[in-house]
Every structure is written in structure tokens, then in C-alpha cells.
Amino acid sequence: MKVVWFSDAWSDYVALQADDPDLTNKINALIKDVTRSPFQGIGKPEPLKLQLKGWWSRRISREHRFVYRVEGSGDERRVEILSCRFHY
């Protein structure tokens, strides 16, 4: 499954690499888990509501959330990452 980062999410990821490598490792584990099983697994996945309907959230830490959605089907399926820093 292809992984696509929104520009703000990528900026957050790069900033976290410098600030807190442990959080970066947790994000990498979440990405790996999402590509295997998008709606179950680590980080307590939960569907979001209202303006973020169609998006999912997983816990990175008490402070940070990993927000993503799965788009496409078959070989065109991809994970789109909206955010990986702070809350939605």
C-alpha cells in the first residue's frame, strides 16, 4: 500500500525526527500497522466525525495523534496521512 503525506503532516514528521526520535519510531510502527490492517491494531484506531468524517485517528502518545484515511482499491489503495503531531 502506498503512503502519501499531506505537506503539514510531513513537516510535523520531520520536526519530530529532530525533537523526539522515539515518537518517530512509534509513527513508523503505526504506518506499518495501518498498511497491514487499516482499521484495527495498535494505537486504538477510531473513526473521526463531523468535518473529519472518513478519517481515522490512532494514538501516538498522550499528546499526539496520527490522523489518516485509506483511499482507492486494489493495487491503487493508499494511506493518506493528514497529521501526526498534536490533536486533530
PDB file of N, CA and C in Angstrom:
ATOM      1  N   MET A   1       0.845  -1.172   0.000  1.00  0.00           N
ATOM      2  CA  MET A   1       0.000   0.000   0.000  1.00  0.00           C
ATOM      3  C   MET A   1       0.896   1.243   0.000  1.00  0.00           C
ATOM      4  N   LYS A   2       0.566   2.173  -0.847  1.00  0.00           N
ATOM      5  CA  LYS A   2       1.331   3.413  -0.971  1.00  0.00           C
ATOM      6  C   LYS A   2       0.998   4.346   0.201  1.00  0.00           C
ATOM      7  N   VAL A   3       1.987   5.103   0.663  1.00  0.00           N
ATOM      8  CA  VAL A   3       1.796   6.069   1.749  1.00  0.00           C
ATOM      9  C   VAL A   3       1.994   7.469   1.180  1.00  0.00           C
ATOM     10  N   VAL A   4       0.981   8.332   1.377  1.00  0.00           N
ATOM     11  CA  VAL A   4       1.014   9.708   0.877  1.00  0.00           C
ATOM     12  C   VAL A   4       0.903  10.655   2.068  1.00  0.00           C
ATOM     13  N   TRP A   5       1.808  11.614   2.143  1.00  0.00           N
ATOM     14  CA  TRP A   5       1.824  12.586   3.244  1.00  0.00           C
ATOM     15  C   TRP A   5       1.278  13.927   2.763  1.00  0.00           C
ATOM     16  N   PHE A   6       0.349  14.520   3.513  1.00  0.00           N
ATOM     17  CA  PHE A   6      -0.001  15.916   3.289  1.00  0.00           C
ATOM     18  C   PHE A   6       1.207  16.739   3.743  1.00  0.00           C
ATOM     19  N   SER A   7       1.424  17.903   3.156  1.00  0.00           N
ATOM     20  CA  SER A   7       2.653  18.663   3.421  1.00  0.00           C
ATOM     21  C   SER A   7       2.817  19.025   4.892  1.00  0.00           C
ATOM     22  N   ASP A   8       1.738  19.418   5.578  1.00  0.00           N
ATOM     23  CA  ASP A   8       1.840  19.746   7.008  1.00  0.00           C
ATOM     24  C   ASP A   8       2.215  18.516   7.830  1.00  0.00           C
ATOM     25  N   ALA A   9       1.673  17.374   7.462  1.00  0.00           N
ATOM     26  CA  ALA A   9       1.994  16.138   8.190  1.00  0.00           C
ATOM     27  C   ALA A   9       3.467  15.789   8.010  1.00  0.00           C
ATOM     28  N   TRP A  10       3.975  15.951   6.798  1.00  0.00           N
ATOM     29  CA  TRP A  10       5.391  15.652   6.559  1.00  0.00           C
ATOM     30  C   TRP A  10       6.281  16.609   7.353  1.00  0.00           C
ATOM     31  N   SER A  11       5.915  17.882   7.394  1.00  0.00           N
ATOM     32  CA  SER A  11       6.677  18.867   8.181  1.00  0.00           C
ATOM     33  C   SER A  11       6.687  18.486   9.653  1.00  0.00           C
ATOM     34  N   ASP A  12       5.540  18.053  10.156  1.00  0.00           N
ATOM     35  CA  ASP A  12       5.459  17.608  11.552  1.00  0.00           C
ATOM     36  C   ASP A  12       6.359  16.403  11.788  1.00  0.00           C
ATOM     37  N   TYR A  13       6.337  15.459  10.869  1.00  0.00           N
ATOM     38  CA  TYR A  13       7.154  14.249  10.992  1.00  0.00           C
ATOM     39  C   TYR A  13       8.642  14.599  11.030  1.00  0.00           C
ATOM     40  N   VAL A  14       9.061  15.472  10.143  1.00  0.00           N
ATOM     41  CA  VAL A  14      10.469  15.889  10.095  1.00  0.00           C
ATOM     42  C   VAL A  14      10.855  16.597  11.394  1.00  0.00           C
ATOM     43  N   ALA A  15       9.972  17.461  11.908  1.00  0.00           N
ATOM     44  CA  ALA A  15      10.246  18.157  13.169  1.00  0.00           C
ATOM     45  C   ALA A  15      10.359  17.163  14.324  1.00  0.00           C
ATOM     46  N   LEU A  16       9.485  16.158  14.339  1.00  0.00           N
ATOM     47  CA  LEU A  16       9.537  15.158  15.407  1.00  0.00           C
ATOM     48  C   LEU A  16      10.798  14.306  15.324  1.00  0.00           C
ATOM     49  N   GLN A  17      11.313  14.083  14.129  1.00  0.00           N
ATOM     50  CA  GLN A  17      12.565  13.327  13.995  1.00  0.00           C
ATOM     51  C   GLN A  17      13.683  14.006  14.769  1.00  0.00           C
ATOM     52  N   ALA A  18      13.720  15.325  14.717  1.00  0.00           N
ATOM     53  CA  ALA A  18      14.762  16.076  15.423  1.00  0.00           C
ATOM     54  C   ALA A  18      14.459  16.191  16.911  1.00  0.00           C
ATOM     55  N   ASP A  19      13.182  16.410  17.246  1.00  0.00           N
ATOM     56  CA  ASP A  19      12.792  16.666  18.637  1.00  0.00           C
ATOM     57  C   ASP A  19      12.648  15.409  19.480  1.00  0.00           C
ATOM     58  N   ASP A  20      12.074  14.352  18.890  1.00  0.00           N
ATOM     59  CA  ASP A  20      11.759  13.157  19.676  1.00  0.00           C
ATOM     60  C   ASP A  20      11.798  11.906  18.795  1.00  0.00           C
ATOM     61  N   PRO A  21      12.976  11.330  18.619  1.00  0.00           N
ATOM     62  CA  PRO A  21      13.103  10.137  17.760  1.00  0.00           C
ATOM     63  C   PRO A  21      12.221   8.965  18.202  1.00  0.00           C
ATOM     64  N   ASP A  22      11.934   8.847  19.495  1.00  0.00           N
ATOM     65  CA  ASP A  22      11.062   7.763  19.963  1.00  0.00           C
ATOM     66  C   ASP A  22       9.662   7.896  19.372  1.00  0.00           C
ATOM     67  N   LEU A  23       9.151   9.131  19.296  1.00  0.00           N
ATOM     68  CA  LEU A  23       7.836   9.337  18.679  1.00  0.00           C
ATOM     69  C   LEU A  23       7.875   8.984  17.197  1.00  0.00           C
ATOM     70  N   THR A  24       8.966   9.306  16.538  1.00  0.00           N
ATOM     71  CA  THR A  24       9.114   8.952  15.129  1.00  0.00           C
ATOM     72  C   THR A  24       9.057   7.435  14.952  1.00  0.00           C
ATOM     73  N   ASN A  25       9.691   6.707  15.848  1.00  0.00           N
ATOM     74  CA  ASN A  25       9.633   5.241  15.785  1.00  0.00           C
ATOM     75  C   ASN A  25       8.212   4.738  15.974  1.00  0.00           C
ATOM     76  N   LYS A  26       7.451   5.367  16.867  1.00  0.00           N
ATOM     77  CA  LYS A  26       6.050   4.972  17.074  1.00  0.00           C
ATOM     78  C   LYS A  26       5.221   5.259  15.826  1.00  0.00           C
ATOM     79  N   ILE A  27       5.473   6.401  15.193  1.00  0.00           N
ATOM     80  CA  ILE A  27       4.757   6.733  13.957  1.00  0.00           C
ATOM     81  C   ILE A  27       5.074   5.705  12.877  1.00  0.00           C
ATOM     82  N   ASN A  28       6.337   5.333  12.755  1.00  0.00           N
ATOM     83  CA  ASN A  28       6.723   4.317  11.764  1.00  0.00           C
ATOM     84  C   ASN A  28       6.009   2.994  12.025  1.00  0.00           C
ATOM     85  N   ALA A  29       5.886   2.624  13.298  1.00  0.00           N
ATOM     86  CA  ALA A  29       5.171   1.388  13.655  1.00  0.00           C
ATOM     87  C   ALA A  29       3.690   1.501  13.300  1.00  0.00           C
ATOM     88  N   LEU A  30       3.099   2.682  13.524  1.00  0.00           N
ATOM     89  CA  LEU A  30       1.692   2.885  13.169  1.00  0.00           C
ATOM     90  C   LEU A  30       1.492   2.780  11.659  1.00  0.00           C
ATOM     91  N   ILE A  31       2.380   3.384  10.897  1.00  0.00           N
ATOM     92  CA  ILE A  31       2.268   3.319   9.434  1.00  0.00           C
ATOM     93  C   ILE A  31       2.334   1.865   8.970  1.00  0.00           C
ATOM     94  N   LYS A  32       3.266   1.131   9.508  1.00  0.00           N
ATOM     95  CA  LYS A  32       3.404  -0.287   9.141  1.00  0.00           C
ATOM     96  C   LYS A  32       2.127  -1.053   9.484  1.00  0.00           C
ATOM     97  N   ASP A  33       1.558  -0.781  10.662  1.00  0.00           N
ATOM     98  CA  ASP A  33       0.343  -1.463  11.092  1.00  0.00           C
ATOM     99  C   ASP A  33      -0.855  -1.065  10.230  1.00  0.00           C
ATOM    100  N   VAL A  34      -0.955   0.221   9.895  1.00  0.00           N
ATOM    101  CA  VAL A  34      -2.065   0.706   9.066  1.00  0.00           C
ATOM    102  C   VAL A  34      -2.025   0.062   7.682  1.00  0.00           C
ATOM    103  N   THR A  35      -0.845  -0.116   7.121  1.00  0.00           N
ATOM    104  CA  THR A  35      -0.768  -0.731   5.790  1.00  0.00           C
ATOM    105  C   THR A  35      -1.188  -2.197   5.811  1.00  0.00           C
ATOM    106  N   ARG A  36      -1.059  -2.847   6.959  1.00  0.00           N
ATOM    107  CA  ARG A  36      -1.496  -4.248   7.096  1.00  0.00           C
ATOM    108  C   ARG A  36      -2.979  -4.341   7.425  1.00  0.00           C
ATOM    109  N   SER A  37      -3.421  -3.491   8.349  1.00  0.00           N
ATOM    110  CA  SER A  37      -4.798  -3.552   8.838  1.00  0.00           C
ATOM    111  C   SER A  37      -5.263  -2.133   9.171  1.00  0.00           C
ATOM    112  N   PRO A  38      -5.872  -1.436   8.215  1.00  0.00           N
ATOM    113  CA  PRO A  38      -6.157  -0.012   8.371  1.00  0.00           C
ATOM    114  C   PRO A  38      -7.067   0.379   9.537  1.00  0.00           C
ATOM    115  N   PHE A  39      -7.962  -0.500   9.944  1.00  0.00           N
ATOM    116  CA  PHE A  39      -8.973  -0.081  10.912  1.00  0.00           C
ATOM    117  C   PHE A  39      -8.934  -0.864  12.220  1.00  0.00           C
ATOM    118  N   GLN A  40      -7.887  -1.651  12.417  1.00  0.00           N
ATOM    119  CA  GLN A  40      -7.677  -2.398  13.656  1.00  0.00           C
ATOM    120  C   GLN A  40      -6.193  -2.360  13.960  1.00  0.00           C
ATOM    121  N   GLY A  41      -5.855  -2.626  15.220  1.00  0.00           N
ATOM    122  CA  GLY A  41      -4.441  -2.732  15.547  1.00  0.00           C
ATOM    123  C   GLY A  41      -4.007  -1.789  16.652  1.00  0.00           C
ATOM    124  N   ILE A  42      -2.739  -1.415  16.627  1.00  0.00           N
ATOM    125  CA  ILE A  42      -2.157  -0.608  17.698  1.00  0.00           C
ATOM    126  C   ILE A  42      -2.621   0.846  17.610  1.00  0.00           C
ATOM    127  N   GLY A  43      -2.549   1.543  18.729  1.00  0.00           N
ATOM    128  CA  GLY A  43      -2.882   2.959  18.762  1.00  0.00           C
ATOM    129  C   GLY A  43      -4.357   3.275  18.925  1.00  0.00           C
ATOM    130  N   LYS A  44      -5.158   2.281  19.238  1.00  0.00           N
ATOM    131  CA  LYS A  44      -6.603   2.451  19.430  1.00  0.00           C
ATOM    132  C   LYS A  44      -7.262   3.206  18.264  1.00  0.00           C
ATOM    133  N   PRO A  45      -7.324   2.592  17.094  1.00  0.00           N
ATOM    134  CA  PRO A  45      -7.925   3.266  15.936  1.00  0.00           C
ATOM    135  C   PRO A  45      -9.382   3.634  16.191  1.00  0.00           C
ATOM    136  N   GLU A  46      -9.737   4.857  15.800  1.00  0.00           N
ATOM    137  CA  GLU A  46     -11.134   5.270  15.920  1.00  0.00           C
ATOM    138  C   GLU A  46     -11.510   6.166  14.749  1.00  0.00           C
ATOM    139  N   PRO A  47     -12.718   5.962  14.208  1.00  0.00           N
ATOM    140  CA  PRO A  47     -13.165   6.816  13.106  1.00  0.00           C
ATOM    141  C   PRO A  47     -13.488   8.212  13.638  1.00  0.00           C
ATOM    142  N   LEU A  48     -13.162   9.219  12.854  1.00  0.00           N
ATOM    143  CA  LEU A  48     -13.443  10.593  13.257  1.00  0.00           C
ATOM    144  C   LEU A  48     -14.797  11.022  12.709  1.00  0.00           C
ATOM    145  N   LYS A  49     -15.307  12.114  13.247  1.00  0.00           N
ATOM    146  CA  LYS A  49     -16.656  12.570  12.908  1.00  0.00           C
ATOM    147  C   LYS A  49     -16.626  14.000  12.381  1.00  0.00           C
ATOM    148  N   LEU A  50     -17.803  14.476  12.015  1.00  0.00           N
ATOM    149  CA  LEU A  50     -18.022  15.845  11.550  1.00  0.00           C
ATOM    150  C   LEU A  50     -17.124  16.189  10.370  1.00  0.00           C
ATOM    151  N   GLN A  51     -16.326  17.250  10.466  1.00  0.00           N
ATOM    152  CA  GLN A  51     -15.506  17.683   9.332  1.00  0.00           C
ATOM    153  C   GLN A  51     -14.466  16.641   8.923  1.00  0.00           C
ATOM    154  N   LEU A  52     -14.101  15.764   9.839  1.00  0.00           N
ATOM    155  CA  LEU A  52     -13.082  14.749   9.543  1.00  0.00           C
ATOM    156  C   LEU A  52     -13.687  13.367   9.291  1.00  0.00           C
ATOM    157  N   LYS A  53     -14.965  13.334   8.951  1.00  0.00           N
ATOM    158  CA  LYS A  53     -15.609  12.061   8.636  1.00  0.00           C
ATOM    159  C   LYS A  53     -14.859  11.394   7.479  1.00  0.00           C
ATOM    160  N   GLY A  54     -14.598  10.112   7.624  1.00  0.00           N
ATOM    161  CA  GLY A  54     -13.829   9.375   6.628  1.00  0.00           C
ATOM    162  C   GLY A  54     -12.363   9.222   7.013  1.00  0.00           C
ATOM    163  N   TRP A  55     -11.942   9.989   8.013  1.00  0.00           N
ATOM    164  CA  TRP A  55     -10.575   9.918   8.521  1.00  0.00           C
ATOM    165  C   TRP A  55     -10.563   9.084   9.789  1.00  0.00           C
ATOM    166  N   TRP A  56      -9.406   8.537  10.112  1.00  0.00           N
ATOM    167  CA  TRP A  56      -9.218   7.737  11.316  1.00  0.00           C
ATOM    168  C   TRP A  56      -8.104   8.330  12.150  1.00  0.00           C
ATOM    169  N   SER A  57      -8.145   8.053  13.446  1.00  0.00           N
ATOM    170  CA  SER A  57      -7.116   8.528  14.364  1.00  0.00           C
ATOM    171  C   SER A  57      -6.561   7.357  15.159  1.00  0.00           C
ATOM    172  N   ARG A  58      -5.263   7.404  15.406  1.00  0.00           N
ATOM    173  CA  ARG A  58      -4.599   6.455  16.302  1.00  0.00           C
ATOM    174  C   ARG A  58      -3.723   7.256  17.253  1.00  0.00           C
ATOM    175  N   ARG A  59      -3.601   6.762  18.463  1.00  0.00           N
ATOM    176  CA  ARG A  59      -2.769   7.435  19.454  1.00  0.00           C
ATOM    177  C   ARG A  59      -1.295   7.157  19.210  1.00  0.00           C
ATOM    178  N   ILE A  60      -0.518   8.237  19.188  1.00  0.00           N
ATOM    179  CA  ILE A  60       0.935   8.110  19.171  1.00  0.00           C
ATOM    180  C   ILE A  60       1.420   8.206  20.616  1.00  0.00           C
ATOM    181  N   SER A  61       0.873   9.187  21.317  1.00  0.00           N
ATOM    182  CA  SER A  61       1.191   9.422  22.726  1.00  0.00           C
ATOM    183  C   SER A  61      -0.012  10.124  23.342  1.00  0.00           C
ATOM    184  N   ARG A  62       0.119  10.500  24.582  1.00  0.00           N
ATOM    185  CA  ARG A  62      -0.966  11.224  25.244  1.00  0.00           C
ATOM    186  C   ARG A  62      -1.258  12.543  24.514  1.00  0.00           C
ATOM    187  N   GLU A  63      -0.223  13.162  23.983  1.00  0.00           N
ATOM    188  CA  GLU A  63      -0.347  14.474  23.345  1.00  0.00           C
ATOM    189  C   GLU A  63      -0.600  14.416  21.837  1.00  0.00           C
ATOM    190  N   HIS A  64      -0.083  13.415  21.162  1.00  0.00           N
ATOM    191  CA  HIS A  64      -0.078  13.387  19.699  1.00  0.00           C
ATOM    192  C   HIS A  64      -0.984  12.294  19.127  1.00  0.00           C
ATOM    193  N   ARG A  65      -1.585  12.606  17.961  1.00  0.00           N
ATOM    194  CA  ARG A  65      -2.441  11.662  17.251  1.00  0.00           C
ATOM    195  C   ARG A  65      -1.993  11.538  15.800  1.00  0.00           C
ATOM    196  N   PHE A  66      -2.154  10.347  15.274  1.00  0.00           N
ATOM    197  CA  PHE A  66      -1.857  10.024  13.884  1.00  0.00           C
ATOM    198  C   PHE A  66      -3.198   9.995  13.152  1.00  0.00           C
ATOM    199  N   VAL A  67      -3.420  10.925  12.213  1.00  0.00           N
ATOM    200  CA  VAL A  67      -4.703  11.038  11.516  1.00  0.00           C
ATOM    201  C   VAL A  67      -4.486  10.655  10.050  1.00  0.00           C
ATOM    202  N   TYR A  68      -5.295   9.717   9.569  1.00  0.00           N
ATOM    203  CA  TYR A  68      -5.109   9.163   8.228  1.00  0.00           C
ATOM    204  C   TYR A  68      -6.438   8.699   7.650  1.00  0.00           C
ATOM    205  N   ARG A  69      -6.421   8.422   6.363  1.00  0.00           N
ATOM    206  CA  ARG A  69      -7.550   7.753   5.706  1.00  0.00           C
ATOM    207  C   ARG A  69      -6.988   6.808   4.657  1.00  0.00           C
ATOM    208  N   VAL A  70      -7.800   5.858   4.278  1.00  0.00           N
ATOM    209  CA  VAL A  70      -7.418   4.900   3.240  1.00  0.00           C
ATOM    210  C   VAL A  70      -8.289   5.189   2.025  1.00  0.00           C
ATOM    211  N   GLU A  71      -7.652   5.382   0.882  1.00  0.00           N
ATOM    212  CA  GLU A  71      -8.347   5.706  -0.357  1.00  0.00           C
ATOM    213  C   GLU A  71      -7.983   4.690  -1.432  1.00  0.00           C
ATOM    214  N   GLY A  72      -8.831   4.589  -2.436  1.00  0.00           N
ATOM    215  CA  GLY A  72      -8.565   3.705  -3.565  1.00  0.00           C
ATOM    216  C   GLY A  72      -8.925   2.263  -3.270  1.00  0.00           C
ATOM    217  N   SER A  73      -8.636   1.414  -4.241  1.00  0.00           N
ATOM    218  CA  SER A  73      -8.911  -0.015  -4.078  1.00  0.00           C
ATOM    219  C   SER A  73      -7.866  -0.820  -4.843  1.00  0.00           C
ATOM    220  N   GLY A  74      -7.748  -2.070  -4.470  1.00  0.00           N
ATOM    221  CA  GLY A  74      -6.799  -2.965  -5.133  1.00  0.00           C
ATOM    222  C   GLY A  74      -5.374  -2.451  -5.070  1.00  0.00           C
ATOM    223  N   ASP A  75      -4.703  -2.476  -6.209  1.00  0.00           N
ATOM    224  CA  ASP A  75      -3.312  -2.015  -6.278  1.00  0.00           C
ATOM    225  C   ASP A  75      -3.192  -0.504  -6.122  1.00  0.00           C
ATOM    226  N   GLU A  76      -4.293   0.214  -6.267  1.00  0.00           N
ATOM    227  CA  GLU A  76      -4.290   1.680  -6.156  1.00  0.00           C
ATOM    228  C   GLU A  76      -4.583   2.158  -4.735  1.00  0.00           C
ATOM    229  N   ARG A  77      -4.691   1.229  -3.802  1.00  0.00           N
ATOM    230  CA  ARG A  77      -5.009   1.588  -2.417  1.00  0.00           C
ATOM    231  C   ARG A  77      -3.841   2.344  -1.794  1.00  0.00           C
ATOM    232  N   ARG A  78      -4.162   3.410  -1.039  1.00  0.00           N
ATOM    233  CA  ARG A  78      -3.113   4.219  -0.427  1.00  0.00           C
ATOM    234  C   ARG A  78      -3.569   4.759   0.924  1.00  0.00           C
ATOM    235  N   VAL A  79      -2.595   5.008   1.790  1.00  0.00           N
ATOM    236  CA  VAL A  79      -2.828   5.648   3.080  1.00  0.00           C
ATOM    237  C   VAL A  79      -2.446   7.111   2.921  1.00  0.00           C
ATOM    238  N   GLU A  80      -3.372   8.003   3.241  1.00  0.00           N
ATOM    239  CA  GLU A  80      -3.098   9.437   3.196  1.00  0.00           C
ATOM    240  C   GLU A  80      -2.983   9.937   4.629  1.00  0.00           C
ATOM    241  N   ILE A  81      -1.846  10.530   4.957  1.00  0.00           N
ATOM    242  CA  ILE A  81      -1.581  10.981   6.322  1.00  0.00           C
ATOM    243  C   ILE A  81      -1.816  12.483   6.401  1.00  0.00           C
ATOM    244  N   LEU A  82      -2.764  12.867   7.244  1.00  0.00           N
ATOM    245  CA  LEU A  82      -3.138  14.273   7.413  1.00  0.00           C
ATOM    246  C   LEU A  82      -2.331  14.947   8.511  1.00  0.00           C
ATOM    247  N   SER A  83      -2.066  14.199   9.596  1.00  0.00           N
ATOM    248  CA  SER A  83      -1.414  14.806  10.756  1.00  0.00           C
ATOM    249  C   SER A  83      -0.740  13.732  11.598  1.00  0.00           C
ATOM    250  N   CYS A  84       0.342  14.121  12.254  1.00  0.00           N
ATOM    251  CA  CYS A  84       0.991  13.193  13.178  1.00  0.00           C
ATOM    252  C   CYS A  84       1.555  13.947  14.386  1.00  0.00           C
ATOM    253  N   ARG A  85       1.030  15.127  14.616  1.00  0.00           N
ATOM    254  CA  ARG A  85       1.503  15.935  15.736  1.00  0.00           C
ATOM    255  C   ARG A  85       0.321  16.654  16.359  1.00  0.00           C
ATOM    256  N   PHE A  86       0.230  16.615  17.654  1.00  0.00           N
ATOM    257  CA  PHE A  86      -0.855  17.214  18.430  1.00  0.00           C
ATOM    258  C   PHE A  86      -2.176  16.504  18.152  1.00  0.00           C
ATOM    259  N   HIS A  87      -3.266  17.107  18.575  1.00  0.00           N
ATOM    260  CA  HIS A  87      -4.600  16.534  18.369  1.00  0.00           C
ATOM    261  C   HIS A  87      -5.208  17.122  17.115  1.00  0.00           C
ATOM    262  N   TYR A  88      -6.233  16.481  16.648  1.00  0.00           N
ATOM    263  CA  TYR A  88      -6.955  16.961  15.475  1.00  0.00           C
ATOM    264  C   TYR A  88      -7.840  18.084  15.905  1.00  0.00           C
TER     265      TYR A  88
END
